[in-house]
Amino acid sequence: MTAPTPALNNTALSSEARNLHWLLTNLVEEVPGLLSVAVVSSDGLLLLSSDPGRNTETPSDHRGGPKGSSADLATIVSGVGSLTIGAAKLMDGGGVKQTMVAMEEGSLFVMSISDGSLLGVHATPDCDMSVIAYHMALFVGRAGHVLTPELRSELRQSMESTR
């Protein structure tokens, strides 16, 4: 199963926002095994999603990601990010670069982008973890420097308009 391709619902977006949508679309289309992808702000708000049309719905079909909802993935990514940042502080481990959780029925990857923003990926249990981590690092490298407070605000407003 492949993740849904992100849809660009608002043609009035800035070129930076359209570029981030394009980067997310490429991530989803190029990496096998992805079920759902979310970019989350430091305060836990969903900024960008591989499935923007299902931000608030929670259908009974769980195959598209956590309960099929990008909002659920954003919540999980934010919580895991906070937990690992707290653990790193307690252990004097420095900044958290990436967290990976392997489960019987899937995998969860969380990677820091910038200013506390996070990239989260829910993948199939048979995914190639190194390929996913590599492509996530490429996304982070390309997206990190453009994810300004202004762009985060624009992306939040765009996500709210897709509800």
N, C-alpha and C. Protein backbone atom coordinates (compact mmCIF):
# COMPACT_ATOMS: atom_id res chain seq x y z
N MET A 1 0.84 -1.16 0.00
CA MET A 1 0.00 0.00 0.00
C MET A 1 0.89 1.24 0.00
N THR A 2 0.49 2.26 -0.73
CA THR A 2 1.25 3.49 -0.75
C THR A 2 0.46 4.60 -0.11
N ALA A 3 1.17 5.60 0.37
CA ALA A 3 0.52 6.74 1.00
C ALA A 3 -0.17 7.57 -0.06
N PRO A 4 -1.25 8.24 0.33
CA PRO A 4 -1.92 9.11 -0.61
C PRO A 4 -1.00 10.25 -1.01
N THR A 5 -1.13 10.70 -2.25
CA THR A 5 -0.33 11.82 -2.72
C THR A 5 -0.92 13.10 -2.17
N PRO A 6 -0.08 13.98 -1.60
CA PRO A 6 -0.60 15.21 -1.05
C PRO A 6 -1.27 16.04 -2.14
N ALA A 7 -2.38 16.64 -1.79
CA ALA A 7 -3.09 17.50 -2.72
C ALA A 7 -2.85 18.95 -2.35
N LEU A 8 -2.60 19.77 -3.34
CA LEU A 8 -2.40 21.19 -3.12
C LEU A 8 -3.73 21.86 -3.35
N ASN A 9 -4.46 22.15 -2.27
CA ASN A 9 -5.82 22.67 -2.37
C ASN A 9 -5.86 24.18 -2.57
N ASN A 10 -4.83 24.88 -2.22
CA ASN A 10 -4.88 26.33 -2.24
C ASN A 10 -3.80 26.86 -3.18
N THR A 11 -4.23 27.34 -4.35
CA THR A 11 -3.27 27.84 -5.33
C THR A 11 -2.73 29.20 -4.95
N ALA A 12 -3.26 29.81 -3.89
CA ALA A 12 -2.80 31.13 -3.45
C ALA A 12 -1.62 31.03 -2.48
N LEU A 13 -1.06 29.86 -2.33
CA LEU A 13 0.07 29.68 -1.42
C LEU A 13 1.32 30.35 -1.97
N SER A 14 2.20 30.73 -1.07
CA SER A 14 3.49 31.32 -1.46
C SER A 14 4.34 30.28 -2.17
N SER A 15 5.37 30.74 -2.84
CA SER A 15 6.26 29.79 -3.54
C SER A 15 6.96 28.87 -2.55
N GLU A 16 7.28 29.36 -1.36
CA GLU A 16 7.92 28.52 -0.34
C GLU A 16 6.99 27.41 0.12
N ALA A 17 5.70 27.74 0.32
CA ALA A 17 4.72 26.74 0.74
C ALA A 17 4.51 25.71 -0.38
N ARG A 18 4.41 26.19 -1.62
CA ARG A 18 4.25 25.26 -2.74
C ARG A 18 5.47 24.35 -2.86
N ASN A 19 6.66 24.90 -2.59
CA ASN A 19 7.88 24.10 -2.64
C ASN A 19 7.87 23.00 -1.58
N LEU A 20 7.42 23.32 -0.36
CA LEU A 20 7.33 22.29 0.69
C LEU A 20 6.30 21.22 0.32
N HIS A 21 5.17 21.62 -0.26
CA HIS A 21 4.20 20.64 -0.73
C HIS A 21 4.84 19.73 -1.77
N TRP A 22 5.60 20.32 -2.68
CA TRP A 22 6.27 19.55 -3.73
C TRP A 22 7.28 18.56 -3.11
N LEU A 23 8.05 19.03 -2.12
CA LEU A 23 9.01 18.14 -1.45
C LEU A 23 8.31 16.97 -0.77
N LEU A 24 7.18 17.26 -0.12
CA LEU A 24 6.43 16.19 0.55
C LEU A 24 5.85 15.21 -0.47
N THR A 25 5.33 15.74 -1.58
CA THR A 25 4.81 14.88 -2.64
C THR A 25 5.90 13.95 -3.16
N ASN A 26 7.10 14.50 -3.39
CA ASN A 26 8.22 13.67 -3.86
C ASN A 26 8.59 12.61 -2.84
N LEU A 27 8.61 12.96 -1.57
CA LEU A 27 8.93 11.99 -0.52
C LEU A 27 7.94 10.83 -0.57
N VAL A 28 6.67 11.16 -0.65
CA VAL A 28 5.62 10.13 -0.65
C VAL A 28 5.71 9.26 -1.90
N GLU A 29 5.95 9.88 -3.05
CA GLU A 29 5.95 9.13 -4.31
C GLU A 29 7.22 8.31 -4.52
N GLU A 30 8.35 8.75 -3.97
CA GLU A 30 9.62 8.09 -4.23
C GLU A 30 9.99 7.00 -3.23
N VAL A 31 9.39 7.02 -2.06
CA VAL A 31 9.81 6.09 -1.00
C VAL A 31 8.75 5.02 -0.78
N PRO A 32 9.07 3.78 -1.12
CA PRO A 32 8.10 2.70 -0.90
C PRO A 32 7.89 2.41 0.58
N GLY A 33 6.66 2.06 0.93
CA GLY A 33 6.36 1.66 2.30
C GLY A 33 5.80 2.76 3.18
N LEU A 34 5.70 3.99 2.67
CA LEU A 34 5.14 5.06 3.49
C LEU A 34 3.62 4.95 3.54
N LEU A 35 3.06 5.09 4.72
CA LEU A 35 1.61 5.09 4.89
C LEU A 35 1.08 6.49 5.10
N SER A 36 1.80 7.29 5.87
CA SER A 36 1.34 8.63 6.20
C SER A 36 2.56 9.46 6.60
N VAL A 37 2.53 10.75 6.23
CA VAL A 37 3.63 11.66 6.54
C VAL A 37 3.03 12.96 7.08
N ALA A 38 3.65 13.52 8.11
CA ALA A 38 3.18 14.78 8.68
C ALA A 38 4.36 15.65 9.08
N VAL A 39 4.22 16.95 8.85
CA VAL A 39 5.15 17.94 9.37
C VAL A 39 4.40 18.67 10.47
N VAL A 40 5.02 18.73 11.65
CA VAL A 40 4.37 19.25 12.84
C VAL A 40 5.20 20.39 13.40
N SER A 41 4.52 21.46 13.83
CA SER A 41 5.21 22.60 14.43
C SER A 41 5.66 22.26 15.85
N SER A 42 6.48 23.11 16.42
CA SER A 42 6.99 22.87 17.77
C SER A 42 5.88 22.85 18.81
N ASP A 43 4.74 23.49 18.51
CA ASP A 43 3.62 23.48 19.45
C ASP A 43 2.60 22.39 19.12
N GLY A 44 2.99 21.43 18.25
CA GLY A 44 2.18 20.26 17.99
C GLY A 44 1.12 20.41 16.92
N LEU A 45 1.12 21.51 16.20
CA LEU A 45 0.11 21.71 15.16
C LEU A 45 0.56 21.13 13.82
N LEU A 46 -0.35 20.51 13.13
CA LEU A 46 -0.08 19.94 11.81
C LEU A 46 0.13 21.05 10.80
N LEU A 47 1.29 21.03 10.13
CA LEU A 47 1.62 22.04 9.14
C LEU A 47 1.46 21.54 7.71
N LEU A 48 1.78 20.28 7.50
CA LEU A 48 1.80 19.70 6.16
C LEU A 48 1.54 18.22 6.31
N SER A 49 0.80 17.65 5.36
CA SER A 49 0.41 16.26 5.50
C SER A 49 0.35 15.57 4.15
N SER A 50 0.60 14.27 4.16
CA SER A 50 0.45 13.47 2.94
C SER A 50 -1.02 13.19 2.66
N ASP A 51 -1.88 13.54 3.59
CA ASP A 51 -3.30 13.27 3.47
C ASP A 51 -4.11 14.44 4.01
N PRO A 52 -4.00 15.63 3.39
CA PRO A 52 -4.63 16.82 3.97
C PRO A 52 -6.15 16.76 4.00
N GLY A 53 -6.77 15.94 3.20
CA GLY A 53 -8.23 15.86 3.18
C GLY A 53 -8.81 15.14 4.37
N ARG A 54 -7.98 14.45 5.16
CA ARG A 54 -8.49 13.68 6.30
C ARG A 54 -7.87 14.17 7.60
N ASN A 55 -7.74 15.47 7.78
CA ASN A 55 -7.09 16.02 8.97
C ASN A 55 -7.88 15.80 10.24
N THR A 56 -9.21 15.74 10.15
CA THR A 56 -10.00 15.62 11.36
C THR A 56 -10.85 14.37 11.39
N GLU A 57 -11.07 13.73 10.25
CA GLU A 57 -11.90 12.54 10.23
C GLU A 57 -11.12 11.34 10.78
N THR A 58 -11.84 10.42 11.39
CA THR A 58 -11.24 9.20 11.89
C THR A 58 -12.08 8.02 11.42
N PRO A 59 -11.87 7.57 10.18
CA PRO A 59 -12.66 6.46 9.68
C PRO A 59 -12.28 5.14 10.35
N SER A 60 -13.12 4.13 10.19
CA SER A 60 -12.83 2.85 10.82
C SER A 60 -11.74 2.08 10.07
N ASP A 61 -11.41 2.48 8.86
CA ASP A 61 -10.37 1.82 8.08
C ASP A 61 -9.02 2.37 8.52
N HIS A 62 -8.17 1.57 9.15
CA HIS A 62 -6.91 2.02 9.74
C HIS A 62 -5.73 1.91 8.79
N ARG A 63 -5.91 1.54 7.54
CA ARG A 63 -4.78 1.29 6.66
C ARG A 63 -4.04 2.55 6.23
N GLY A 64 -4.65 3.73 6.29
CA GLY A 64 -3.99 4.93 5.81
C GLY A 64 -3.05 5.56 6.80
N GLY A 65 -2.94 5.05 7.98
CA GLY A 65 -2.09 5.64 9.01
C GLY A 65 -2.78 5.45 10.34
N PRO A 66 -2.29 6.15 11.36
CA PRO A 66 -2.91 6.00 12.68
C PRO A 66 -4.37 6.41 12.61
N LYS A 67 -5.27 5.45 12.71
CA LYS A 67 -6.70 5.68 12.61
C LYS A 67 -7.06 6.42 11.32
N GLY A 68 -6.17 6.42 10.33
CA GLY A 68 -6.44 7.06 9.06
C GLY A 68 -6.40 8.56 9.09
N SER A 69 -5.94 9.15 10.16
CA SER A 69 -6.03 10.59 10.33
C SER A 69 -4.66 11.24 10.44
N SER A 70 -4.44 12.26 9.64
CA SER A 70 -3.20 13.02 9.73
C SER A 70 -3.10 13.74 11.07
N ALA A 71 -4.24 14.16 11.61
CA ALA A 71 -4.23 14.82 12.91
C ALA A 71 -3.74 13.86 13.99
N ASP A 72 -4.12 12.58 13.89
CA ASP A 72 -3.64 11.59 14.86
C ASP A 72 -2.13 11.40 14.73
N LEU A 73 -1.62 11.34 13.50
CA LEU A 73 -0.18 11.20 13.31
C LEU A 73 0.54 12.42 13.87
N ALA A 74 0.00 13.60 13.66
CA ALA A 74 0.62 14.82 14.20
C ALA A 74 0.70 14.77 15.72
N THR A 75 -0.36 14.28 16.36
CA THR A 75 -0.37 14.16 17.82
C THR A 75 0.69 13.18 18.29
N ILE A 76 0.78 12.05 17.62
CA ILE A 76 1.77 11.03 17.99
C ILE A 76 3.18 11.58 17.79
N VAL A 77 3.44 12.21 16.66
CA VAL A 77 4.77 12.77 16.36
C VAL A 77 5.16 13.81 17.40
N SER A 78 4.22 14.68 17.74
CA SER A 78 4.49 15.71 18.75
C SER A 78 4.81 15.09 20.11
N GLY A 79 4.04 14.08 20.49
CA GLY A 79 4.27 13.42 21.79
C GLY A 79 5.60 12.69 21.84
N VAL A 80 5.90 11.93 20.78
CA VAL A 80 7.18 11.21 20.73
C VAL A 80 8.34 12.21 20.72
N GLY A 81 8.17 13.29 19.96
CA GLY A 81 9.22 14.32 19.92
C GLY A 81 9.47 14.91 21.30
N SER A 82 8.41 15.26 22.02
CA SER A 82 8.55 15.82 23.36
C SER A 82 9.19 14.84 24.32
N LEU A 83 8.77 13.59 24.25
CA LEU A 83 9.32 12.55 25.12
C LEU A 83 10.82 12.37 24.90
N THR A 84 11.24 12.30 23.65
CA THR A 84 12.66 12.07 23.37
C THR A 84 13.51 13.30 23.70
N ILE A 85 12.95 14.49 23.51
CA ILE A 85 13.69 15.71 23.90
C ILE A 85 13.89 15.72 25.41
N GLY A 86 12.84 15.36 26.16
CA GLY A 86 12.97 15.29 27.62
C GLY A 86 13.97 14.24 28.05
N ALA A 87 13.95 13.10 27.39
CA ALA A 87 14.91 12.03 27.72
C ALA A 87 16.33 12.47 27.43
N ALA A 88 16.54 13.14 26.30
CA ALA A 88 17.88 13.61 25.94
C ALA A 88 18.39 14.62 26.96
N LYS A 89 17.51 15.48 27.45
CA LYS A 89 17.93 16.46 28.47
C LYS A 89 18.33 15.76 29.77
N LEU A 90 17.53 14.78 30.19
CA LEU A 90 17.84 14.04 31.42
C LEU A 90 19.15 13.27 31.31
N MET A 91 19.48 12.82 30.12
CA MET A 91 20.69 12.02 29.91
C MET A 91 21.85 12.85 29.38
N ASP A 92 21.69 14.17 29.33
CA ASP A 92 22.72 15.05 28.76
C ASP A 92 23.16 14.54 27.39
N GLY A 93 22.18 14.16 26.57
CA GLY A 93 22.48 13.56 25.26
C GLY A 93 22.54 14.56 24.12
N GLY A 94 22.30 15.83 24.39
CA GLY A 94 22.28 16.80 23.30
C GLY A 94 20.97 16.76 22.55
N GLY A 95 20.96 17.35 21.36
CA GLY A 95 19.75 17.41 20.56
C GLY A 95 19.36 16.06 19.98
N VAL A 96 18.07 15.84 19.85
CA VAL A 96 17.55 14.61 19.26
C VAL A 96 17.49 14.81 17.75
N LYS A 97 18.12 13.92 17.01
CA LYS A 97 18.12 14.00 15.55
C LYS A 97 17.01 13.17 14.95
N GLN A 98 16.86 11.93 15.44
CA GLN A 98 15.86 11.03 14.88
C GLN A 98 15.43 10.02 15.92
N THR A 99 14.16 9.64 15.86
CA THR A 99 13.61 8.59 16.71
C THR A 99 12.92 7.59 15.80
N MET A 100 13.11 6.32 16.09
CA MET A 100 12.47 5.28 15.30
C MET A 100 11.84 4.28 16.24
N VAL A 101 10.57 3.93 15.96
CA VAL A 101 9.86 2.94 16.74
C VAL A 101 9.43 1.83 15.80
N ALA A 102 9.92 0.63 16.03
CA ALA A 102 9.55 -0.52 15.21
C ALA A 102 8.46 -1.30 15.94
N MET A 103 7.36 -1.52 15.25
CA MET A 103 6.22 -2.24 15.82
C MET A 103 5.93 -3.47 14.95
N GLU A 104 5.11 -4.36 15.45
CA GLU A 104 4.77 -5.55 14.66
C GLU A 104 4.09 -5.19 13.35
N GLU A 105 3.25 -4.18 13.38
CA GLU A 105 2.44 -3.83 12.20
C GLU A 105 2.85 -2.52 11.55
N GLY A 106 4.04 -2.03 11.82
CA GLY A 106 4.49 -0.79 11.19
C GLY A 106 5.66 -0.17 11.90
N SER A 107 6.08 0.95 11.38
CA SER A 107 7.20 1.69 11.97
C SER A 107 6.85 3.17 12.02
N LEU A 108 7.41 3.84 13.00
CA LEU A 108 7.23 5.28 13.15
C LEU A 108 8.61 5.92 13.19
N PHE A 109 8.79 6.95 12.38
CA PHE A 109 10.04 7.71 12.34
C PHE A 109 9.72 9.16 12.66
N VAL A 110 10.53 9.78 13.51
CA VAL A 110 10.38 11.20 13.83
C VAL A 110 11.75 11.83 13.70
N MET A 111 11.82 12.92 12.93
CA MET A 111 13.09 13.60 12.70
C MET A 111 12.91 15.09 12.92
N SER A 112 13.86 15.72 13.60
CA SER A 112 13.83 17.16 13.82
C SER A 112 14.08 17.89 12.51
N ILE A 113 13.32 18.97 12.31
CA ILE A 113 13.53 19.79 11.12
C ILE A 113 14.28 21.06 11.52
N SER A 114 13.58 21.97 12.17
CA SER A 114 14.21 23.20 12.65
C SER A 114 13.29 23.87 13.65
N ASP A 115 13.86 24.62 14.56
CA ASP A 115 13.08 25.37 15.55
C ASP A 115 12.01 24.52 16.24
N GLY A 116 12.30 23.25 16.45
CA GLY A 116 11.36 22.37 17.13
C GLY A 116 10.35 21.70 16.23
N SER A 117 10.30 22.06 14.95
CA SER A 117 9.39 21.39 14.02
C SER A 117 9.88 19.97 13.77
N LEU A 118 8.94 19.08 13.44
CA LEU A 118 9.27 17.67 13.29
C LEU A 118 8.66 17.11 12.01
N LEU A 119 9.35 16.14 11.43
CA LEU A 119 8.85 15.35 10.32
C LEU A 119 8.54 13.98 10.86
N GLY A 120 7.31 13.51 10.67
CA GLY A 120 6.91 12.19 11.14
C GLY A 120 6.46 11.32 9.99
N VAL A 121 6.86 10.06 10.02
CA VAL A 121 6.50 9.10 8.98
C VAL A 121 5.99 7.83 9.64
N HIS A 122 4.83 7.37 9.18
CA HIS A 122 4.30 6.06 9.56
C HIS A 122 4.49 5.17 8.35
N ALA A 123 5.15 4.04 8.53
CA ALA A 123 5.50 3.17 7.41
C ALA A 123 5.06 1.73 7.67
N THR A 124 5.10 0.94 6.61
CA THR A 124 4.72 -0.47 6.69
C THR A 124 5.77 -1.25 7.49
N PRO A 125 5.39 -2.42 8.01
CA PRO A 125 6.35 -3.20 8.80
C PRO A 125 7.52 -3.73 7.96
N ASP A 126 7.33 -3.88 6.66
CA ASP A 126 8.39 -4.41 5.81
C ASP A 126 9.18 -3.32 5.08
N CYS A 127 9.05 -2.08 5.52
CA CYS A 127 9.75 -0.97 4.86
C CYS A 127 11.26 -1.10 5.03
N ASP A 128 11.99 -0.46 4.16
CA ASP A 128 13.45 -0.39 4.28
C ASP A 128 13.76 0.84 5.12
N MET A 129 14.07 0.61 6.38
CA MET A 129 14.25 1.70 7.33
C MET A 129 15.37 2.66 6.92
N SER A 130 16.44 2.14 6.36
CA SER A 130 17.55 3.01 5.97
C SER A 130 17.15 3.91 4.80
N VAL A 131 16.33 3.41 3.88
CA VAL A 131 15.87 4.23 2.76
C VAL A 131 14.96 5.35 3.27
N ILE A 132 14.06 5.01 4.18
CA ILE A 132 13.17 6.01 4.74
C ILE A 132 13.96 7.07 5.50
N ALA A 133 14.89 6.66 6.33
CA ALA A 133 15.71 7.61 7.09
C ALA A 133 16.51 8.52 6.15
N TYR A 134 17.05 7.96 5.09
CA TYR A 134 17.81 8.74 4.12
C TYR A 134 16.93 9.81 3.46
N HIS A 135 15.75 9.42 2.99
CA HIS A 135 14.86 10.36 2.32
C HIS A 135 14.29 11.40 3.29
N MET A 136 14.08 11.00 4.53
CA MET A 136 13.65 11.97 5.53
C MET A 136 14.75 13.01 5.75
N ALA A 137 16.00 12.57 5.82
CA ALA A 137 17.12 13.50 6.01
C ALA A 137 17.23 14.46 4.82
N LEU A 138 16.98 13.97 3.61
CA LEU A 138 16.97 14.85 2.44
C LEU A 138 15.88 15.90 2.56
N PHE A 139 14.68 15.47 2.96
CA PHE A 139 13.57 16.41 3.14
C PHE A 139 13.93 17.47 4.18
N VAL A 140 14.44 17.02 5.31
CA VAL A 140 14.81 17.94 6.39
C VAL A 140 15.87 18.94 5.92
N GLY A 141 16.86 18.45 5.20
CA GLY A 141 17.91 19.32 4.69
C GLY A 141 17.39 20.38 3.74
N ARG A 142 16.39 20.01 2.95
CA ARG A 142 15.82 20.95 1.98
C ARG A 142 14.79 21.87 2.60
N ALA A 143 14.06 21.39 3.59
CA ALA A 143 12.95 22.15 4.16
C ALA A 143 13.35 23.00 5.36
N GLY A 144 14.38 22.59 6.08
CA GLY A 144 14.71 23.24 7.34
C GLY A 144 14.98 24.72 7.26
N HIS A 145 15.68 25.16 6.25
CA HIS A 145 16.06 26.57 6.18
C HIS A 145 14.92 27.48 5.70
N VAL A 146 13.87 26.92 5.11
CA VAL A 146 12.76 27.75 4.64
C VAL A 146 11.56 27.74 5.59
N LEU A 147 11.59 26.91 6.62
CA LEU A 147 10.46 26.78 7.53
C LEU A 147 10.50 27.91 8.57
N THR A 148 10.24 29.11 8.10
CA THR A 148 10.25 30.32 8.94
C THR A 148 8.95 30.42 9.73
N PRO A 149 8.90 31.28 10.74
CA PRO A 149 7.63 31.48 11.46
C PRO A 149 6.49 31.91 10.53
N GLU A 150 6.80 32.74 9.54
CA GLU A 150 5.77 33.18 8.60
C GLU A 150 5.24 32.02 7.78
N LEU A 151 6.14 31.16 7.31
CA LEU A 151 5.72 30.01 6.52
C LEU A 151 4.94 29.01 7.37
N ARG A 152 5.37 28.81 8.61
CA ARG A 152 4.63 27.90 9.50
C ARG A 152 3.19 28.41 9.70
N SER A 153 3.04 29.71 9.86
CA SER A 153 1.71 30.30 10.01
C SER A 153 0.87 30.09 8.74
N GLU A 154 1.46 30.31 7.59
CA GLU A 154 0.76 30.09 6.33
C GLU A 154 0.34 28.64 6.17
N LEU A 155 1.22 27.71 6.50
CA LEU A 155 0.91 26.29 6.38
C LEU A 155 -0.20 25.87 7.34
N ARG A 156 -0.18 26.41 8.58
CA ARG A 156 -1.25 26.11 9.54
C ARG A 156 -2.59 26.57 9.01
N GLN A 157 -2.62 27.80 8.46
CA GLN A 157 -3.88 28.33 7.90
C GLN A 157 -4.34 27.48 6.72
N SER A 158 -3.40 27.03 5.91
CA SER A 158 -3.74 26.19 4.76
C SER A 158 -4.33 24.87 5.21
N MET A 159 -3.76 24.26 6.27
CA MET A 159 -4.27 22.99 6.78
C MET A 159 -5.67 23.18 7.36
N GLU A 160 -5.90 24.30 8.03
CA GLU A 160 -7.22 24.56 8.62
C GLU A 160 -8.27 24.72 7.54
N SER A 161 -7.89 25.26 6.39
CA SER A 161 -8.86 25.47 5.31
C SER A 161 -9.23 24.17 4.60
N THR A 162 -8.45 23.09 4.81
CA THR A 162 -8.77 21.81 4.17
C THR A 162 -9.74 20.97 5.00
N ARG A 163 -10.07 21.41 6.18
CA ARG A 163 -10.97 20.65 7.06
C ARG A 163 -12.37 20.67 6.54
